[in-house]
């Protein structure tokens, strides 16, 4: 399921996710400014995008891929198949980071790559 990397609206703009088309995660879970969707997810996704030009070509591709992976991992919360509280969401989402980072090639980037 392609969702596209967009950060500044809620956690991620999950525009093509199931029947919640156009919905964002924050309005669905309502964790507030310090919850995972806004206080962590959107914050750091925006930081990655703001600094994208500082990444090498491979780093930019990785940034896109990891953002997509992290968003895809949250689709169950948008389509209603998971309905946790904010703490459950945070634990689940943080738990996807290592898999997404490693699975999209973080360890093979090197410090200075093109």
C-alpha atoms as a PDB file:
ATOM      1  CA  UNK A   1       0.000   0.000   0.000  1.00  0.00           C
ATOM      2  CA  UNK A   2       1.673   3.212  -1.148  1.00  0.00           C
ATOM      3  CA  UNK A   3       1.136   6.089   1.250  1.00  0.00           C
ATOM      4  CA  UNK A   4       3.771   8.647   0.311  1.00  0.00           C
ATOM      5  CA  UNK A   5       6.017  10.518   2.704  1.00  0.00           C
ATOM      6  CA  UNK A   6       4.279  13.614   4.030  1.00  0.00           C
ATOM      7  CA  UNK A   7       4.764  14.637   7.622  1.00  0.00           C
ATOM      8  CA  UNK A   8       3.457  17.977   8.700  1.00  0.00           C
ATOM      9  CA  UNK A   9      -0.237  17.067   8.835  1.00  0.00           C
ATOM     10  CA  UNK A  10      -0.832  14.919  11.904  1.00  0.00           C
ATOM     11  CA  UNK A  11       1.691  12.087  11.971  1.00  0.00           C
ATOM     12  CA  UNK A  12       1.724  11.231   8.299  1.00  0.00           C
ATOM     13  CA  UNK A  13      -0.817  11.983   5.619  1.00  0.00           C
ATOM     14  CA  UNK A  14      -2.271   8.534   5.122  1.00  0.00           C
ATOM     15  CA  UNK A  15      -4.303   9.608   2.140  1.00  0.00           C
ATOM     16  CA  UNK A  16      -4.723   6.217   0.510  1.00  0.00           C
ATOM     17  CA  UNK A  17      -5.137   4.072   3.598  1.00  0.00           C
ATOM     18  CA  UNK A  18      -8.284   1.972   3.352  1.00  0.00           C
ATOM     19  CA  UNK A  19     -11.670   3.514   4.108  1.00  0.00           C
ATOM     20  CA  UNK A  20     -10.117   6.381   6.074  1.00  0.00           C
ATOM     21  CA  UNK A  21      -8.998   8.072   2.870  1.00  0.00           C
ATOM     22  CA  UNK A  22      -7.639  11.520   3.611  1.00  0.00           C
ATOM     23  CA  UNK A  23      -7.463  10.836   7.343  1.00  0.00           C
ATOM     24  CA  UNK A  24      -4.404  11.328   9.476  1.00  0.00           C
ATOM     25  CA  UNK A  25      -3.451   9.304  12.490  1.00  0.00           C
ATOM     26  CA  UNK A  26      -3.726  12.013  15.148  1.00  0.00           C
ATOM     27  CA  UNK A  27      -7.437  12.725  14.664  1.00  0.00           C
ATOM     28  CA  UNK A  28      -8.099   8.999  14.980  1.00  0.00           C
ATOM     29  CA  UNK A  29      -6.109   8.365  18.157  1.00  0.00           C
ATOM     30  CA  UNK A  30      -6.159  11.857  19.722  1.00  0.00           C
ATOM     31  CA  UNK A  31      -2.907  11.559  21.674  1.00  0.00           C
ATOM     32  CA  UNK A  32      -2.282  15.320  21.730  1.00  0.00           C
ATOM     33  CA  UNK A  33       0.764  17.475  21.094  1.00  0.00           C
ATOM     34  CA  UNK A  34       3.072  15.277  23.186  1.00  0.00           C
ATOM     35  CA  UNK A  35       1.754  11.928  21.935  1.00  0.00           C
ATOM     36  CA  UNK A  36       3.571   9.786  19.400  1.00  0.00           C
ATOM     37  CA  UNK A  37       1.828  11.061  16.233  1.00  0.00           C
ATOM     38  CA  UNK A  38       2.604  14.750  16.758  1.00  0.00           C
ATOM     39  CA  UNK A  39       5.283  14.826  19.454  1.00  0.00           C
ATOM     40  CA  UNK A  40       7.538  12.216  17.865  1.00  0.00           C
ATOM     41  CA  UNK A  41       6.412  10.993  14.446  1.00  0.00           C
ATOM     42  CA  UNK A  42       5.596  14.287  12.744  1.00  0.00           C
ATOM     43  CA  UNK A  43       8.384  16.119  14.558  1.00  0.00           C
ATOM     44  CA  UNK A  44      11.172  13.833  13.374  1.00  0.00           C
ATOM     45  CA  UNK A  45       9.701  13.148   9.958  1.00  0.00           C
ATOM     46  CA  UNK A  46       9.629  16.902   9.335  1.00  0.00           C
ATOM     47  CA  UNK A  47      13.234  17.185  10.543  1.00  0.00           C
ATOM     48  CA  UNK A  48      14.318  14.517   8.057  1.00  0.00           C
ATOM     49  CA  UNK A  49      12.540  16.312   5.226  1.00  0.00           C
ATOM     50  CA  UNK A  50      13.878  19.749   6.242  1.00  0.00           C
ATOM     51  CA  UNK A  51      17.429  18.389   6.051  1.00  0.00           C
ATOM     52  CA  UNK A  52      16.972  16.175   3.001  1.00  0.00           C
ATOM     53  CA  UNK A  53      19.420  18.193   0.899  1.00  0.00           C
ATOM     54  CA  UNK A  54      22.157  17.390   3.435  1.00  0.00           C
ATOM     55  CA  UNK A  55      21.800  13.674   2.658  1.00  0.00           C
ATOM     56  CA  UNK A  56      23.690  11.939  -0.134  1.00  0.00           C
ATOM     57  CA  UNK A  57      21.654  10.523  -3.018  1.00  0.00           C
ATOM     58  CA  UNK A  58      21.644   7.128  -1.290  1.00  0.00           C
ATOM     59  CA  UNK A  59      20.738   8.806   1.995  1.00  0.00           C
ATOM     60  CA  UNK A  60      17.809  10.598   0.368  1.00  0.00           C
ATOM     61  CA  UNK A  61      16.559   7.323  -1.104  1.00  0.00           C
ATOM     62  CA  UNK A  62      16.890   5.685   2.315  1.00  0.00           C
ATOM     63  CA  UNK A  63      14.995   8.577   3.946  1.00  0.00           C
ATOM     64  CA  UNK A  64      12.119   8.087   1.505  1.00  0.00           C
ATOM     65  CA  UNK A  65      12.114   4.315   1.980  1.00  0.00           C
ATOM     66  CA  UNK A  66      12.258   4.420   5.781  1.00  0.00           C
ATOM     67  CA  UNK A  67       9.494   7.039   5.901  1.00  0.00           C
ATOM     68  CA  UNK A  68       7.333   4.820   3.713  1.00  0.00           C
ATOM     69  CA  UNK A  69       8.063   1.777   5.871  1.00  0.00           C
ATOM     70  CA  UNK A  70       7.230   3.620   9.104  1.00  0.00           C
ATOM     71  CA  UNK A  71       3.970   4.884   7.625  1.00  0.00           C
ATOM     72  CA  UNK A  72       3.014   1.489   6.226  1.00  0.00           C
ATOM     73  CA  UNK A  73       3.538  -0.035   9.671  1.00  0.00           C
ATOM     74  CA  UNK A  74       0.843   2.282  11.074  1.00  0.00           C
ATOM     75  CA  UNK A  75      -1.858   1.430   8.536  1.00  0.00           C
ATOM     76  CA  UNK A  76      -3.602  -0.965  10.991  1.00  0.00           C
ATOM     77  CA  UNK A  77      -4.263   2.017  13.265  1.00  0.00           C
ATOM     78  CA  UNK A  78      -5.765   4.013  10.421  1.00  0.00           C
ATOM     79  CA  UNK A  79      -7.921   1.270   8.929  1.00  0.00           C
ATOM     80  CA  UNK A  80      -9.338   0.287  12.314  1.00  0.00           C
ATOM     81  CA  UNK A  81      -7.842  -3.187  12.622  1.00  0.00           C
ATOM     82  CA  UNK A  82      -5.926  -1.975  15.717  1.00  0.00           C
ATOM     83  CA  UNK A  83      -7.523   0.330  18.281  1.00  0.00           C
ATOM     84  CA  UNK A  84      -5.023   0.825  21.091  1.00  0.00           C
ATOM     85  CA  UNK A  85      -4.616   3.623  23.533  1.00  0.00           C
ATOM     86  CA  UNK A  86      -1.847   6.184  23.017  1.00  0.00           C
ATOM     87  CA  UNK A  87       0.731   4.223  25.012  1.00  0.00           C
ATOM     88  CA  UNK A  88       0.070   1.073  22.955  1.00  0.00           C
ATOM     89  CA  UNK A  89       0.422   3.096  19.758  1.00  0.00           C
ATOM     90  CA  UNK A  90       3.716   4.600  20.918  1.00  0.00           C
ATOM     91  CA  UNK A  91       5.162   1.222  21.906  1.00  0.00           C
ATOM     92  CA  UNK A  92       4.039  -0.367  18.643  1.00  0.00           C
ATOM     93  CA  UNK A  93       5.339   2.496  16.496  1.00  0.00           C
ATOM     94  CA  UNK A  94       8.716   2.708  18.243  1.00  0.00           C
ATOM     95  CA  UNK A  95       8.942  -1.064  17.879  1.00  0.00           C
ATOM     96  CA  UNK A  96       8.791  -0.715  14.084  1.00  0.00           C
ATOM     97  CA  UNK A  97      11.732   1.680  13.842  1.00  0.00           C
ATOM     98  CA  UNK A  98      14.605  -0.827  13.995  1.00  0.00           C
ATOM     99  CA  UNK A  99      12.953  -3.127  11.446  1.00  0.00           C
ATOM    100  CA  UNK A 100      12.301  -0.226   9.088  1.00  0.00           C
ATOM    101  CA  UNK A 101      15.743   1.354   9.508  1.00  0.00           C
ATOM    102  CA  UNK A 102      17.649  -1.894   9.000  1.00  0.00           C
ATOM    103  CA  UNK A 103      15.267  -3.241   6.365  1.00  0.00           C
ATOM    104  CA  UNK A 104      15.683  -0.150   4.199  1.00  0.00           C
ATOM    105  CA  UNK A 105      19.475  -0.265   4.245  1.00  0.00           C
ATOM    106  CA  UNK A 106      20.554   2.065   7.043  1.00  0.00           C
ATOM    107  CA  UNK A 107      23.511  -0.140   7.964  1.00  0.00           C
ATOM    108  CA  UNK A 108      24.883  -0.067   4.418  1.00  0.00           C
ATOM    109  CA  UNK A 109      24.751   3.712   3.967  1.00  0.00           C
ATOM    110  CA  UNK A 110      28.174   4.511   5.377  1.00  0.00           C
ATOM    111  CA  UNK A 111      29.050   7.943   6.656  1.00  0.00           C
ATOM    112  CA  UNK A 112      29.757   9.613   3.314  1.00  0.00           C
ATOM    113  CA  UNK A 113      28.023   7.990   0.358  1.00  0.00           C
ATOM    114  CA  UNK A 114      26.634   9.140  -2.976  1.00  0.00           C
END
